[in-house]
Amino acid sequence: MARLRSDLVVAAILRRAQSAGATAVLRRRGAGEAGAIFISVDRLDGHNDLYAPAPPRMNEDDDLVRRFDVILPAATPLEVNDRMAREVKFDSDLWWVEIEDRQGRSFAE
Protein backbone atom coordinates (compact mmCIF):
# COMPACT_ATOMS: atom_id res chain seq x y z
CA MET A 1 0.00 0.00 0.00
CA ALA A 2 1.34 3.43 -0.92
CA ARG A 3 1.48 6.52 1.23
CA LEU A 4 -1.28 9.09 0.62
CA ARG A 5 -0.47 11.80 -1.90
CA SER A 6 0.53 15.17 -0.46
CA ASP A 7 -2.32 17.00 -2.19
CA LEU A 8 -4.85 14.69 -0.52
CA VAL A 9 -3.26 15.12 2.91
CA VAL A 10 -3.27 18.91 2.52
CA ALA A 11 -6.90 18.91 1.40
CA ALA A 12 -7.82 16.87 4.49
CA ILE A 13 -5.96 19.26 6.82
CA LEU A 14 -7.68 22.28 5.25
CA ARG A 15 -11.09 20.64 5.49
CA ARG A 16 -10.58 19.56 9.13
CA ALA A 17 -9.46 23.04 10.16
CA GLN A 18 -12.30 24.82 8.39
CA SER A 19 -14.94 22.43 9.72
CA ALA A 20 -13.64 23.06 13.27
CA GLY A 21 -14.04 26.82 12.84
CA ALA A 22 -10.39 27.69 12.24
CA THR A 23 -9.13 29.71 9.28
CA ALA A 24 -6.87 27.68 7.00
CA VAL A 25 -5.24 28.69 3.75
CA LEU A 26 -2.75 27.20 1.36
CA ARG A 27 0.30 29.48 1.33
CA ARG A 28 2.29 27.34 -1.13
CA ARG A 29 1.30 24.52 -3.46
CA GLY A 30 3.90 21.79 -3.80
CA ALA A 31 4.32 18.57 -5.71
CA GLY A 32 1.04 16.66 -5.65
CA GLU A 33 2.49 13.19 -5.26
CA ALA A 34 5.10 13.54 -2.55
CA GLY A 35 5.95 17.14 -1.65
CA ALA A 36 6.89 17.77 1.98
CA ILE A 37 4.12 19.43 4.01
CA PHE A 38 4.73 22.25 6.50
CA ILE A 39 2.00 23.66 8.73
CA SER A 40 2.21 27.02 10.48
CA VAL A 41 -0.28 27.68 13.24
CA ASP A 42 -0.96 31.26 14.30
CA ARG A 43 -2.45 31.16 17.79
CA LEU A 44 -3.60 34.77 17.38
CA ASP A 45 -1.68 35.81 20.49
CA GLY A 46 1.60 36.72 18.81
CA HIS A 47 2.89 33.15 18.92
CA ASN A 48 3.15 30.73 16.01
CA ASP A 49 4.11 27.08 15.84
CA LEU A 50 5.72 25.57 12.75
CA TYR A 51 5.26 21.87 12.06
CA ALA A 52 7.45 19.90 9.64
CA PRO A 53 7.44 16.29 8.47
CA ALA A 54 8.71 14.04 11.24
CA PRO A 55 11.57 11.70 10.41
CA PRO A 56 10.61 8.03 10.06
CA ARG A 57 10.53 6.24 13.39
CA MET A 58 12.27 2.93 13.89
CA ASN A 59 10.09 -0.09 14.60
CA GLU A 60 7.02 1.78 13.40
CA ASP A 61 4.43 -0.58 11.92
CA ASP A 62 2.50 2.07 10.03
CA ASP A 63 5.06 3.89 7.89
CA LEU A 64 2.28 5.11 5.58
CA VAL A 65 0.95 7.63 8.13
CA ARG A 66 2.35 11.14 7.85
CA ARG A 67 3.60 12.50 11.14
CA PHE A 68 4.62 16.03 12.04
CA ASP A 69 6.93 17.53 14.66
CA VAL A 70 7.01 21.09 15.94
CA ILE A 71 10.26 22.63 14.71
CA LEU A 72 9.54 26.21 15.84
CA PRO A 73 7.39 26.44 18.97
CA ALA A 74 6.05 29.82 20.09
CA ALA A 75 7.83 31.66 17.28
CA THR A 76 7.10 35.08 15.85
CA PRO A 77 5.54 35.37 12.38
CA LEU A 78 8.87 36.73 11.11
CA GLU A 79 10.75 33.67 12.41
CA VAL A 80 8.26 31.37 10.68
CA ASN A 81 8.51 33.29 7.40
CA ASP A 82 12.32 33.27 7.53
CA ARG A 83 12.42 29.54 8.22
CA MET A 84 9.98 28.82 5.41
CA ALA A 85 12.03 30.94 2.99
CA ARG A 86 15.04 28.73 3.79
CA GLU A 87 12.96 25.55 3.42
CA VAL A 88 11.68 26.66 0.00
CA LYS A 89 15.25 27.28 -1.18
CA PHE A 90 16.10 23.74 -0.11
CA ASP A 91 12.91 22.09 -1.47
CA SER A 92 10.86 24.01 -4.01
CA ASP A 93 8.23 21.21 -4.10
CA LEU A 94 7.02 21.69 -0.53
CA TRP A 95 3.49 22.57 0.62
CA TRP A 96 2.78 25.25 3.21
CA VAL A 97 -0.54 25.32 5.05
CA GLU A 98 -1.24 28.27 7.33
CA ILE A 99 -3.85 27.95 10.08
CA GLU A 100 -5.22 30.58 12.46
CA ASP A 101 -6.55 28.91 15.58
CA ARG A 102 -6.68 30.25 19.14
CA GLN A 103 -6.38 26.68 20.45
CA GLY A 104 -3.15 26.10 18.49
CA ARG A 105 -4.37 23.01 16.65
CA SER A 106 -2.47 21.81 13.58
CA PHE A 107 -5.23 19.44 12.38
CA ALA A 108 -2.51 17.08 11.14
CA GLU A 109 -3.50 14.11 13.30
C-alpha atoms as a PDB file:
ATOM      1  CA  MET A   1       0.000   0.000   0.000  1.00  0.00           C
ATOM      2  CA  ALA A   2       1.340   3.433  -0.921  1.00  0.00           C
ATOM      3  CA  ARG A   3       1.479   6.523   1.230  1.00  0.00           C
ATOM      4  CA  LEU A   4      -1.285   9.087   0.616  1.00  0.00           C
ATOM      5  CA  ARG A   5      -0.468  11.796  -1.902  1.00  0.00           C
ATOM      6  CA  SER A   6       0.528  15.171  -0.458  1.00  0.00           C
ATOM      7  CA  ASP A   7      -2.318  16.996  -2.189  1.00  0.00           C
ATOM      8  CA  LEU A   8      -4.854  14.692  -0.518  1.00  0.00           C
ATOM      9  CA  VAL A   9      -3.258  15.121   2.915  1.00  0.00           C
ATOM     10  CA  VAL A  10      -3.267  18.911   2.524  1.00  0.00           C
ATOM     11  CA  ALA A  11      -6.903  18.906   1.396  1.00  0.00           C
ATOM     12  CA  ALA A  12      -7.816  16.873   4.491  1.00  0.00           C
ATOM     13  CA  ILE A  13      -5.959  19.262   6.817  1.00  0.00           C
ATOM     14  CA  LEU A  14      -7.681  22.282   5.251  1.00  0.00           C
ATOM     15  CA  ARG A  15     -11.088  20.643   5.490  1.00  0.00           C
ATOM     16  CA  ARG A  16     -10.581  19.564   9.132  1.00  0.00           C
ATOM     17  CA  ALA A  17      -9.462  23.037  10.157  1.00  0.00           C
ATOM     18  CA  GLN A  18     -12.301  24.818   8.395  1.00  0.00           C
ATOM     19  CA  SER A  19     -14.938  22.429   9.722  1.00  0.00           C
ATOM     20  CA  ALA A  20     -13.640  23.065  13.270  1.00  0.00           C
ATOM     21  CA  GLY A  21     -14.039  26.818  12.838  1.00  0.00           C
ATOM     22  CA  ALA A  22     -10.386  27.690  12.235  1.00  0.00           C
ATOM     23  CA  THR A  23      -9.134  29.710   9.283  1.00  0.00           C
ATOM     24  CA  ALA A  24      -6.872  27.678   7.004  1.00  0.00           C
ATOM     25  CA  VAL A  25      -5.242  28.686   3.751  1.00  0.00           C
ATOM     26  CA  LEU A  26      -2.750  27.199   1.363  1.00  0.00           C
ATOM     27  CA  ARG A  27       0.304  29.479   1.327  1.00  0.00           C
ATOM     28  CA  ARG A  28       2.292  27.344  -1.127  1.00  0.00           C
ATOM     29  CA  ARG A  29       1.304  24.523  -3.455  1.00  0.00           C
ATOM     30  CA  GLY A  30       3.902  21.792  -3.798  1.00  0.00           C
ATOM     31  CA  ALA A  31       4.324  18.568  -5.705  1.00  0.00           C
ATOM     32  CA  GLY A  32       1.044  16.659  -5.648  1.00  0.00           C
ATOM     33  CA  GLU A  33       2.490  13.193  -5.263  1.00  0.00           C
ATOM     34  CA  ALA A  34       5.105  13.542  -2.554  1.00  0.00           C
ATOM     35  CA  GLY A  35       5.953  17.144  -1.646  1.00  0.00           C
ATOM     36  CA  ALA A  36       6.893  17.768   1.983  1.00  0.00           C
ATOM     37  CA  ILE A  37       4.119  19.434   4.006  1.00  0.00           C
ATOM     38  CA  PHE A  38       4.727  22.248   6.497  1.00  0.00           C
ATOM     39  CA  ILE A  39       1.997  23.663   8.735  1.00  0.00           C
ATOM     40  CA  SER A  40       2.213  27.017  10.483  1.00  0.00           C
ATOM     41  CA  VAL A  41      -0.284  27.677  13.244  1.00  0.00           C
ATOM     42  CA  ASP A  42      -0.959  31.255  14.295  1.00  0.00           C
ATOM     43  CA  ARG A  43      -2.449  31.158  17.792  1.00  0.00           C
ATOM     44  CA  LEU A  44      -3.601  34.768  17.380  1.00  0.00           C
ATOM     45  CA  ASP A  45      -1.683  35.808  20.494  1.00  0.00           C
ATOM     46  CA  GLY A  46       1.604  36.723  18.812  1.00  0.00           C
ATOM     47  CA  HIS A  47       2.894  33.149  18.921  1.00  0.00           C
ATOM     48  CA  ASN A  48       3.151  30.727  16.013  1.00  0.00           C
ATOM     49  CA  ASP A  49       4.112  27.077  15.839  1.00  0.00           C
ATOM     50  CA  LEU A  50       5.719  25.571  12.750  1.00  0.00           C
ATOM     51  CA  TYR A  51       5.264  21.873  12.057  1.00  0.00           C
ATOM     52  CA  ALA A  52       7.447  19.900   9.644  1.00  0.00           C
ATOM     53  CA  PRO A  53       7.439  16.294   8.468  1.00  0.00           C
ATOM     54  CA  ALA A  54       8.708  14.039  11.235  1.00  0.00           C
ATOM     55  CA  PRO A  55      11.570  11.699  10.407  1.00  0.00           C
ATOM     56  CA  PRO A  56      10.613   8.035  10.056  1.00  0.00           C
ATOM     57  CA  ARG A  57      10.533   6.242  13.386  1.00  0.00           C
ATOM     58  CA  MET A  58      12.272   2.932  13.891  1.00  0.00           C
ATOM     59  CA  ASN A  59      10.085  -0.094  14.601  1.00  0.00           C
ATOM     60  CA  GLU A  60       7.024   1.777  13.403  1.00  0.00           C
ATOM     61  CA  ASP A  61       4.432  -0.579  11.922  1.00  0.00           C
ATOM     62  CA  ASP A  62       2.505   2.069  10.033  1.00  0.00           C
ATOM     63  CA  ASP A  63       5.057   3.893   7.888  1.00  0.00           C
ATOM     64  CA  LEU A  64       2.279   5.112   5.582  1.00  0.00           C
ATOM     65  CA  VAL A  65       0.954   7.629   8.125  1.00  0.00           C
ATOM     66  CA  ARG A  66       2.350  11.139   7.846  1.00  0.00           C
ATOM     67  CA  ARG A  67       3.601  12.501  11.141  1.00  0.00           C
ATOM     68  CA  PHE A  68       4.624  16.030  12.039  1.00  0.00           C
ATOM     69  CA  ASP A  69       6.926  17.526  14.665  1.00  0.00           C
ATOM     70  CA  VAL A  70       7.013  21.094  15.939  1.00  0.00           C
ATOM     71  CA  ILE A  71      10.258  22.635  14.713  1.00  0.00           C
ATOM     72  CA  LEU A  72       9.543  26.212  15.841  1.00  0.00           C
ATOM     73  CA  PRO A  73       7.387  26.435  18.965  1.00  0.00           C
ATOM     74  CA  ALA A  74       6.046  29.816  20.095  1.00  0.00           C
ATOM     75  CA  ALA A  75       7.828  31.663  17.280  1.00  0.00           C
ATOM     76  CA  THR A  76       7.101  35.076  15.852  1.00  0.00           C
ATOM     77  CA  PRO A  77       5.539  35.372  12.384  1.00  0.00           C
ATOM     78  CA  LEU A  78       8.869  36.729  11.114  1.00  0.00           C
ATOM     79  CA  GLU A  79      10.747  33.671  12.413  1.00  0.00           C
ATOM     80  CA  VAL A  80       8.257  31.370  10.683  1.00  0.00           C
ATOM     81  CA  ASN A  81       8.508  33.290   7.396  1.00  0.00           C
ATOM     82  CA  ASP A  82      12.324  33.266   7.531  1.00  0.00           C
ATOM     83  CA  ARG A  83      12.422  29.536   8.216  1.00  0.00           C
ATOM     84  CA  MET A  84       9.976  28.822   5.407  1.00  0.00           C
ATOM     85  CA  ALA A  85      12.028  30.939   2.989  1.00  0.00           C
ATOM     86  CA  ARG A  86      15.040  28.729   3.788  1.00  0.00           C
ATOM     87  CA  GLU A  87      12.964  25.554   3.424  1.00  0.00           C
ATOM     88  CA  VAL A  88      11.681  26.656  -0.002  1.00  0.00           C
ATOM     89  CA  LYS A  89      15.252  27.285  -1.184  1.00  0.00           C
ATOM     90  CA  PHE A  90      16.100  23.741  -0.115  1.00  0.00           C
ATOM     91  CA  ASP A  91      12.912  22.091  -1.468  1.00  0.00           C
ATOM     92  CA  SER A  92      10.860  24.008  -4.015  1.00  0.00           C
ATOM     93  CA  ASP A  93       8.228  21.214  -4.103  1.00  0.00           C
ATOM     94  CA  LEU A  94       7.019  21.695  -0.525  1.00  0.00           C
ATOM     95  CA  TRP A  95       3.494  22.568   0.616  1.00  0.00           C
ATOM     96  CA  TRP A  96       2.778  25.248   3.210  1.00  0.00           C
ATOM     97  CA  VAL A  97      -0.537  25.322   5.051  1.00  0.00           C
ATOM     98  CA  GLU A  98      -1.243  28.273   7.328  1.00  0.00           C
ATOM     99  CA  ILE A  99      -3.845  27.950  10.085  1.00  0.00           C
ATOM    100  CA  GLU A 100      -5.221  30.578  12.456  1.00  0.00           C
ATOM    101  CA  ASP A 101      -6.555  28.907  15.579  1.00  0.00           C
ATOM    102  CA  ARG A 102      -6.677  30.252  19.142  1.00  0.00           C
ATOM    103  CA  GLN A 103      -6.378  26.683  20.449  1.00  0.00           C
ATOM    104  CA  GLY A 104      -3.148  26.104  18.489  1.00  0.00           C
ATOM    105  CA  ARG A 105      -4.371  23.011  16.654  1.00  0.00           C
ATOM    106  CA  SER A 106      -2.472  21.806  13.579  1.00  0.00           C
ATOM    107  CA  PHE A 107      -5.229  19.441  12.381  1.00  0.00           C
ATOM    108  CA  ALA A 108      -2.509  17.076  11.139  1.00  0.00           C
ATOM    109  CA  GLU A 109      -3.498  14.109  13.300  1.00  0.00           C
END
